[in-house]
Amino acid sequence: MSVAARLAELGIELPEVAPPVASYVPAVVHGGLVYTSGQLPFASGELPATGKVGAEVPAEDAKGYARTCALNALAAAASAAGGLEKIGGVLRVGGFVASAPSFTGQPGVINGASEVLGEIFGDAGRHARAAVGVAVLPLDTPVEVEVTFTLA
């Protein structure tokens, strides 16, 4: 089943590619892979929340934001590659969680990204991953996700 068909089956509509907030491009194609820049959980051009996970932002909300980041990454990758049909699968996910000092649930937050990619790509969505807690992220977003996709 194609990626577009799977998205339709899941009722997922990809967002527009989020414009960069600094000097970079959203995604780059190189050597059979598509590397995305870190994607924030922009929805309709706005961040849904700001602050630290485990303080101002509940972990379950942050998990949903990580899902949004992954969908933003897929949109960026498809745009750079020339369409969804060019995306073959997921190689690696890097997740960053702006964390309160005592928060240790970063893997659960980044599961939001991993799970939606698995739903979309099936076995081709199985990937290596890092989930890292950080003091602060751009624009005070609670979550940022970068994804490396394989080309079809």
N, C-alpha and C. Protein backbone atom coordinates (compact mmCIF):
# COMPACT_ATOMS: atom_id res chain seq x y z
N MET A 1 0.85 -1.18 0.00
CA MET A 1 0.00 0.00 0.00
C MET A 1 0.89 1.24 0.00
N SER A 2 0.52 2.23 -0.77
CA SER A 2 1.32 3.45 -0.85
C SER A 2 1.21 4.25 0.45
N VAL A 3 2.17 5.12 0.67
CA VAL A 3 2.14 5.98 1.85
C VAL A 3 0.91 6.87 1.82
N ALA A 4 0.58 7.42 0.68
CA ALA A 4 -0.60 8.28 0.56
C ALA A 4 -1.87 7.50 0.89
N ALA A 5 -1.98 6.27 0.39
CA ALA A 5 -3.16 5.45 0.68
C ALA A 5 -3.23 5.11 2.17
N ARG A 6 -2.10 4.83 2.76
CA ARG A 6 -2.08 4.50 4.19
C ARG A 6 -2.48 5.72 5.02
N LEU A 7 -2.00 6.90 4.66
CA LEU A 7 -2.41 8.12 5.36
C LEU A 7 -3.92 8.32 5.26
N ALA A 8 -4.47 8.12 4.08
CA ALA A 8 -5.91 8.27 3.89
C ALA A 8 -6.66 7.25 4.74
N GLU A 9 -6.18 6.01 4.75
CA GLU A 9 -6.82 4.96 5.56
C GLU A 9 -6.82 5.32 7.04
N LEU A 10 -5.73 5.95 7.49
CA LEU A 10 -5.61 6.35 8.91
C LEU A 10 -6.33 7.67 9.20
N GLY A 11 -6.81 8.35 8.15
CA GLY A 11 -7.47 9.64 8.35
C GLY A 11 -6.50 10.75 8.70
N ILE A 12 -5.26 10.62 8.24
CA ILE A 12 -4.23 11.62 8.52
C ILE A 12 -4.01 12.48 7.29
N GLU A 13 -4.11 13.78 7.47
CA GLU A 13 -3.80 14.73 6.40
C GLU A 13 -2.50 15.42 6.77
N LEU A 14 -1.51 15.33 5.87
CA LEU A 14 -0.23 15.96 6.16
C LEU A 14 -0.38 17.48 6.14
N PRO A 15 0.33 18.14 7.04
CA PRO A 15 0.29 19.61 7.06
C PRO A 15 1.14 20.19 5.94
N GLU A 16 1.01 21.48 5.73
CA GLU A 16 1.92 22.20 4.85
C GLU A 16 3.30 22.15 5.49
N VAL A 17 4.34 22.22 4.69
CA VAL A 17 5.70 22.23 5.22
C VAL A 17 5.89 23.51 6.03
N ALA A 18 6.34 23.35 7.26
CA ALA A 18 6.57 24.51 8.14
C ALA A 18 7.77 25.29 7.63
N PRO A 19 7.64 26.60 7.51
CA PRO A 19 8.79 27.39 7.06
C PRO A 19 9.89 27.38 8.13
N PRO A 20 11.14 27.39 7.73
CA PRO A 20 12.24 27.40 8.70
C PRO A 20 12.18 28.64 9.60
N VAL A 21 12.61 28.47 10.86
CA VAL A 21 12.65 29.60 11.79
C VAL A 21 14.05 30.21 11.86
N ALA A 22 14.98 29.69 11.07
CA ALA A 22 16.35 30.21 11.03
C ALA A 22 16.93 29.90 9.65
N SER A 23 18.26 29.83 9.54
CA SER A 23 18.93 29.67 8.26
C SER A 23 19.21 28.20 7.96
N TYR A 24 18.21 27.52 7.41
CA TYR A 24 18.33 26.11 7.03
C TYR A 24 17.16 25.77 6.11
N VAL A 25 17.17 24.56 5.56
CA VAL A 25 16.06 24.07 4.76
C VAL A 25 15.36 22.96 5.54
N PRO A 26 14.07 22.72 5.29
CA PRO A 26 13.34 21.72 6.06
C PRO A 26 13.83 20.28 5.87
N ALA A 27 14.35 19.96 4.68
CA ALA A 27 14.84 18.59 4.42
C ALA A 27 15.80 18.61 3.25
N VAL A 28 16.70 17.62 3.24
CA VAL A 28 17.70 17.48 2.19
C VAL A 28 17.75 16.02 1.75
N VAL A 29 17.80 15.79 0.45
CA VAL A 29 17.94 14.45 -0.11
C VAL A 29 19.41 14.22 -0.42
N HIS A 30 19.93 13.06 0.03
CA HIS A 30 21.34 12.74 -0.24
C HIS A 30 21.53 11.23 -0.13
N GLY A 31 22.12 10.65 -1.16
CA GLY A 31 22.53 9.25 -1.09
C GLY A 31 21.43 8.26 -0.75
N GLY A 32 20.26 8.42 -1.30
CA GLY A 32 19.18 7.47 -1.04
C GLY A 32 18.42 7.72 0.25
N LEU A 33 18.73 8.83 0.92
CA LEU A 33 18.07 9.17 2.18
C LEU A 33 17.52 10.59 2.13
N VAL A 34 16.55 10.86 2.97
CA VAL A 34 16.06 12.21 3.18
C VAL A 34 16.25 12.54 4.64
N TYR A 35 17.03 13.58 4.89
CA TYR A 35 17.31 14.04 6.25
C TYR A 35 16.43 15.26 6.52
N THR A 36 15.64 15.22 7.58
CA THR A 36 14.86 16.41 7.91
C THR A 36 15.58 17.22 8.96
N SER A 37 15.38 18.51 8.90
CA SER A 37 15.81 19.38 9.99
C SER A 37 14.89 19.10 11.17
N GLY A 38 15.28 19.56 12.34
CA GLY A 38 14.41 19.41 13.50
C GLY A 38 13.07 20.07 13.24
N GLN A 39 12.01 19.32 13.47
CA GLN A 39 10.66 19.81 13.22
C GLN A 39 9.98 20.10 14.56
N LEU A 40 9.36 21.26 14.63
CA LEU A 40 8.60 21.65 15.82
C LEU A 40 7.14 21.25 15.60
N PRO A 41 6.35 21.22 16.66
CA PRO A 41 4.96 20.78 16.52
C PRO A 41 4.01 21.87 16.01
N PHE A 42 4.42 22.58 14.97
CA PHE A 42 3.56 23.61 14.40
C PHE A 42 2.27 22.99 13.87
N ALA A 43 1.16 23.61 14.20
CA ALA A 43 -0.15 23.24 13.66
C ALA A 43 -0.80 24.54 13.22
N SER A 44 -1.12 24.63 11.94
CA SER A 44 -1.68 25.86 11.37
C SER A 44 -0.78 27.06 11.65
N GLY A 45 0.54 26.84 11.59
CA GLY A 45 1.49 27.91 11.76
C GLY A 45 1.76 28.35 13.18
N GLU A 46 1.20 27.65 14.15
CA GLU A 46 1.35 28.04 15.56
C GLU A 46 1.84 26.86 16.40
N LEU A 47 2.58 27.18 17.45
CA LEU A 47 2.93 26.16 18.42
C LEU A 47 1.74 25.96 19.36
N PRO A 48 1.38 24.71 19.64
CA PRO A 48 0.23 24.46 20.52
C PRO A 48 0.52 24.73 21.99
N ALA A 49 1.80 24.75 22.35
CA ALA A 49 2.17 24.97 23.75
C ALA A 49 3.64 25.37 23.81
N THR A 50 4.03 25.95 24.93
CA THR A 50 5.43 26.24 25.20
C THR A 50 5.71 25.81 26.63
N GLY A 51 6.99 25.63 26.92
CA GLY A 51 7.39 25.29 28.28
C GLY A 51 8.04 23.93 28.38
N LYS A 52 8.31 23.55 29.61
CA LYS A 52 9.02 22.31 29.91
C LYS A 52 8.04 21.16 30.17
N VAL A 53 8.39 20.00 29.62
CA VAL A 53 7.62 18.80 29.89
C VAL A 53 7.92 18.36 31.32
N GLY A 54 6.88 18.04 32.04
CA GLY A 54 7.03 17.69 33.45
C GLY A 54 6.82 18.88 34.36
N ALA A 55 6.62 20.06 33.79
CA ALA A 55 6.31 21.28 34.55
C ALA A 55 5.06 21.90 33.93
N GLU A 56 5.25 22.79 32.94
CA GLU A 56 4.12 23.46 32.31
C GLU A 56 3.36 22.57 31.32
N VAL A 57 4.03 21.56 30.77
CA VAL A 57 3.44 20.73 29.73
C VAL A 57 3.36 19.28 30.22
N PRO A 58 2.15 18.71 30.26
CA PRO A 58 2.01 17.30 30.65
C PRO A 58 2.66 16.37 29.62
N ALA A 59 3.22 15.27 30.07
CA ALA A 59 3.91 14.32 29.20
C ALA A 59 2.98 13.79 28.11
N GLU A 60 1.72 13.53 28.41
CA GLU A 60 0.80 13.00 27.41
C GLU A 60 0.55 14.03 26.30
N ASP A 61 0.47 15.30 26.66
CA ASP A 61 0.34 16.35 25.64
C ASP A 61 1.59 16.39 24.77
N ALA A 62 2.76 16.30 25.41
CA ALA A 62 4.03 16.34 24.68
C ALA A 62 4.13 15.17 23.72
N LYS A 63 3.62 14.01 24.10
CA LYS A 63 3.61 12.85 23.20
C LYS A 63 2.82 13.18 21.93
N GLY A 64 1.70 13.84 22.07
CA GLY A 64 0.91 14.27 20.91
C GLY A 64 1.67 15.27 20.07
N TYR A 65 2.44 16.16 20.71
CA TYR A 65 3.23 17.13 19.97
C TYR A 65 4.34 16.43 19.19
N ALA A 66 4.92 15.37 19.76
CA ALA A 66 5.95 14.60 19.05
C ALA A 66 5.35 13.95 17.81
N ARG A 67 4.12 13.50 17.90
CA ARG A 67 3.40 12.94 16.75
C ARG A 67 3.28 14.01 15.66
N THR A 68 2.88 15.21 16.05
CA THR A 68 2.77 16.31 15.09
C THR A 68 4.11 16.61 14.45
N CYS A 69 5.18 16.60 15.24
CA CYS A 69 6.53 16.83 14.69
C CYS A 69 6.85 15.80 13.62
N ALA A 70 6.53 14.53 13.87
CA ALA A 70 6.82 13.47 12.91
C ALA A 70 6.04 13.68 11.62
N LEU A 71 4.79 14.11 11.71
CA LEU A 71 4.00 14.38 10.51
C LEU A 71 4.56 15.57 9.76
N ASN A 72 5.03 16.58 10.50
CA ASN A 72 5.69 17.72 9.86
C ASN A 72 6.96 17.27 9.15
N ALA A 73 7.69 16.34 9.76
CA ALA A 73 8.91 15.81 9.14
C ALA A 73 8.57 15.05 7.86
N LEU A 74 7.51 14.24 7.89
CA LEU A 74 7.12 13.50 6.69
C LEU A 74 6.73 14.47 5.57
N ALA A 75 6.02 15.53 5.92
CA ALA A 75 5.65 16.53 4.91
C ALA A 75 6.89 17.17 4.30
N ALA A 76 7.86 17.52 5.14
CA ALA A 76 9.10 18.13 4.65
C ALA A 76 9.88 17.16 3.77
N ALA A 77 9.95 15.90 4.19
CA ALA A 77 10.67 14.88 3.42
C ALA A 77 10.02 14.66 2.06
N ALA A 78 8.70 14.56 2.05
CA ALA A 78 7.98 14.34 0.79
C ALA A 78 8.19 15.52 -0.15
N SER A 79 8.18 16.72 0.39
CA SER A 79 8.39 17.91 -0.44
C SER A 79 9.80 17.89 -1.05
N ALA A 80 10.80 17.56 -0.26
CA ALA A 80 12.18 17.54 -0.75
C ALA A 80 12.41 16.41 -1.75
N ALA A 81 11.75 15.28 -1.53
CA ALA A 81 11.97 14.10 -2.37
C ALA A 81 11.16 14.12 -3.66
N GLY A 82 10.16 14.99 -3.74
CA GLY A 82 9.34 15.04 -4.95
C GLY A 82 8.03 14.30 -4.83
N GLY A 83 7.58 14.04 -3.61
CA GLY A 83 6.27 13.41 -3.41
C GLY A 83 6.32 12.28 -2.41
N LEU A 84 5.17 11.96 -1.84
CA LEU A 84 5.07 10.88 -0.85
C LEU A 84 5.50 9.54 -1.43
N GLU A 85 5.23 9.31 -2.71
CA GLU A 85 5.55 8.01 -3.32
C GLU A 85 7.06 7.77 -3.36
N LYS A 86 7.85 8.80 -3.14
CA LYS A 86 9.31 8.66 -3.13
C LYS A 86 9.85 8.23 -1.76
N ILE A 87 9.02 8.30 -0.72
CA ILE A 87 9.46 7.95 0.63
C ILE A 87 9.22 6.46 0.87
N GLY A 88 10.30 5.75 1.21
CA GLY A 88 10.20 4.30 1.37
C GLY A 88 10.04 3.83 2.80
N GLY A 89 10.60 4.55 3.75
CA GLY A 89 10.54 4.11 5.13
C GLY A 89 11.30 5.05 6.03
N VAL A 90 11.49 4.60 7.27
CA VAL A 90 12.13 5.42 8.30
C VAL A 90 13.40 4.70 8.76
N LEU A 91 14.50 5.43 8.79
CA LEU A 91 15.78 4.89 9.24
C LEU A 91 16.06 5.25 10.69
N ARG A 92 15.87 6.53 11.03
CA ARG A 92 16.22 7.00 12.38
C ARG A 92 15.34 8.17 12.78
N VAL A 93 15.02 8.22 14.08
CA VAL A 93 14.31 9.35 14.68
C VAL A 93 15.17 9.91 15.80
N GLY A 94 15.33 11.22 15.80
CA GLY A 94 16.00 11.90 16.91
C GLY A 94 14.98 12.81 17.57
N GLY A 95 14.77 12.61 18.85
CA GLY A 95 13.77 13.39 19.57
C GLY A 95 14.39 14.17 20.71
N PHE A 96 13.96 15.42 20.85
CA PHE A 96 14.45 16.30 21.90
C PHE A 96 13.27 16.79 22.71
N VAL A 97 13.38 16.69 24.01
CA VAL A 97 12.29 17.06 24.91
C VAL A 97 12.81 18.11 25.89
N ALA A 98 12.22 19.30 25.84
CA ALA A 98 12.56 20.33 26.83
C ALA A 98 11.97 19.85 28.15
N SER A 99 12.84 19.53 29.09
CA SER A 99 12.43 18.79 30.28
C SER A 99 12.64 19.56 31.58
N ALA A 100 11.66 19.45 32.46
CA ALA A 100 11.86 19.91 33.83
C ALA A 100 13.00 19.08 34.42
N PRO A 101 13.75 19.62 35.39
CA PRO A 101 14.93 18.91 35.91
C PRO A 101 14.69 17.47 36.38
N SER A 102 13.52 17.18 36.91
CA SER A 102 13.27 15.84 37.42
C SER A 102 12.55 14.93 36.43
N PHE A 103 12.24 15.43 35.23
CA PHE A 103 11.49 14.64 34.25
C PHE A 103 12.41 13.63 33.57
N THR A 104 12.01 12.36 33.57
CA THR A 104 12.82 11.30 32.95
C THR A 104 12.03 10.48 31.93
N GLY A 105 10.90 10.98 31.49
CA GLY A 105 10.04 10.23 30.57
C GLY A 105 10.21 10.57 29.11
N GLN A 106 11.41 11.00 28.71
CA GLN A 106 11.64 11.38 27.32
C GLN A 106 11.30 10.26 26.33
N PRO A 107 11.65 8.99 26.61
CA PRO A 107 11.30 7.94 25.65
C PRO A 107 9.78 7.83 25.41
N GLY A 108 8.99 7.98 26.44
CA GLY A 108 7.54 7.93 26.28
C GLY A 108 7.00 9.07 25.45
N VAL A 109 7.59 10.24 25.61
CA VAL A 109 7.18 11.40 24.81
C VAL A 109 7.48 11.15 23.33
N ILE A 110 8.69 10.71 23.02
CA ILE A 110 9.10 10.52 21.64
C ILE A 110 8.40 9.32 21.01
N ASN A 111 7.80 8.46 21.83
CA ASN A 111 6.96 7.39 21.29
C ASN A 111 5.85 7.95 20.41
N GLY A 112 5.42 9.19 20.67
CA GLY A 112 4.40 9.80 19.82
C GLY A 112 4.83 9.86 18.37
N ALA A 113 6.10 10.17 18.14
CA ALA A 113 6.64 10.19 16.78
C ALA A 113 6.82 8.77 16.25
N SER A 114 7.44 7.91 17.04
CA SER A 114 7.72 6.54 16.60
C SER A 114 6.45 5.77 16.28
N GLU A 115 5.44 5.94 17.10
CA GLU A 115 4.20 5.18 16.90
C GLU A 115 3.48 5.59 15.62
N VAL A 116 3.39 6.89 15.35
CA VAL A 116 2.68 7.30 14.13
C VAL A 116 3.46 6.88 12.88
N LEU A 117 4.78 6.93 12.93
CA LEU A 117 5.57 6.48 11.79
C LEU A 117 5.40 4.98 11.58
N GLY A 118 5.31 4.23 12.66
CA GLY A 118 5.03 2.79 12.56
C GLY A 118 3.66 2.51 11.98
N GLU A 119 2.66 3.29 12.37
CA GLU A 119 1.32 3.12 11.81
C GLU A 119 1.31 3.39 10.31
N ILE A 120 2.05 4.39 9.89
CA ILE A 120 2.07 4.79 8.48
C ILE A 120 2.87 3.80 7.63
N PHE A 121 4.06 3.42 8.09
CA PHE A 121 4.98 2.65 7.26
C PHE A 121 5.03 1.16 7.59
N GLY A 122 4.40 0.71 8.64
CA GLY A 122 4.47 -0.70 9.01
C GLY A 122 5.91 -1.10 9.31
N ASP A 123 6.33 -2.25 8.79
CA ASP A 123 7.70 -2.72 9.04
C ASP A 123 8.75 -1.75 8.55
N ALA A 124 8.46 -1.01 7.49
CA ALA A 124 9.41 -0.03 6.96
C ALA A 124 9.52 1.19 7.87
N GLY A 125 8.67 1.25 8.88
CA GLY A 125 8.72 2.34 9.85
C GLY A 125 9.53 2.02 11.09
N ARG A 126 10.03 0.78 11.19
CA ARG A 126 10.89 0.42 12.33
C ARG A 126 12.21 1.16 12.18
N HIS A 127 12.68 1.77 13.26
CA HIS A 127 13.83 2.67 13.14
C HIS A 127 14.68 2.68 14.40
N ALA A 128 15.90 3.16 14.23
CA ALA A 128 16.77 3.48 15.36
C ALA A 128 16.30 4.83 15.90
N ARG A 129 16.66 5.12 17.18
CA ARG A 129 16.11 6.34 17.76
C ARG A 129 16.94 6.83 18.94
N ALA A 130 16.87 8.13 19.15
CA ALA A 130 17.39 8.76 20.36
C ALA A 130 16.28 9.64 20.93
N ALA A 131 16.15 9.65 22.24
CA ALA A 131 15.19 10.51 22.94
C ALA A 131 15.97 11.22 24.04
N VAL A 132 16.17 12.53 23.87
CA VAL A 132 17.08 13.27 24.72
C VAL A 132 16.35 14.40 25.44
N GLY A 133 16.64 14.54 26.71
CA GLY A 133 16.12 15.67 27.48
C GLY A 133 17.07 16.84 27.38
N VAL A 134 16.52 18.03 27.15
CA VAL A 134 17.34 19.24 27.03
C VAL A 134 16.72 20.35 27.88
N ALA A 135 17.53 21.38 28.14
CA ALA A 135 17.08 22.48 29.00
C ALA A 135 16.06 23.37 28.31
N VAL A 136 16.27 23.64 27.02
CA VAL A 136 15.34 24.51 26.29
C VAL A 136 15.47 24.22 24.80
N LEU A 137 14.38 24.44 24.07
CA LEU A 137 14.36 24.26 22.62
C LEU A 137 13.93 25.55 21.95
N PRO A 138 14.14 25.67 20.63
CA PRO A 138 13.77 26.90 19.93
C PRO A 138 12.32 27.30 20.19
N LEU A 139 12.11 28.59 20.34
CA LEU A 139 10.78 29.18 20.56
C LEU A 139 10.10 28.65 21.82
N ASP A 140 10.87 28.04 22.71
CA ASP A 140 10.38 27.45 23.95
C ASP A 140 9.40 26.30 23.71
N THR A 141 9.52 25.64 22.52
CA THR A 141 8.68 24.49 22.22
C THR A 141 9.03 23.34 23.18
N PRO A 142 8.07 22.51 23.53
CA PRO A 142 8.38 21.39 24.42
C PRO A 142 9.07 20.21 23.73
N VAL A 143 8.91 20.09 22.39
CA VAL A 143 9.41 18.91 21.68
C VAL A 143 9.93 19.31 20.30
N GLU A 144 10.99 18.64 19.87
CA GLU A 144 11.51 18.78 18.51
C GLU A 144 11.92 17.39 18.03
N VAL A 145 11.60 17.07 16.78
CA VAL A 145 11.91 15.75 16.23
C VAL A 145 12.54 15.91 14.85
N GLU A 146 13.61 15.14 14.61
CA GLU A 146 14.21 15.05 13.28
C GLU A 146 14.12 13.59 12.84
N VAL A 147 13.93 13.38 11.55
CA VAL A 147 13.75 12.02 11.03
C VAL A 147 14.62 11.85 9.80
N THR A 148 15.22 10.66 9.67
CA THR A 148 15.91 10.27 8.46
C THR A 148 15.06 9.20 7.78
N PHE A 149 14.59 9.52 6.58
CA PHE A 149 13.76 8.60 5.80
C PHE A 149 14.59 7.95 4.70
N THR A 150 14.20 6.74 4.31
CA THR A 150 14.78 6.11 3.14
C THR A 150 13.93 6.45 1.92
N LEU A 151 14.56 6.47 0.76
CA LEU A 151 13.82 6.68 -0.47
C LEU A 151 13.29 5.33 -0.99
N ALA A 152 12.18 5.39 -1.68
CA ALA A 152 11.57 4.16 -2.24
C ALA A 152 12.37 3.68 -3.44
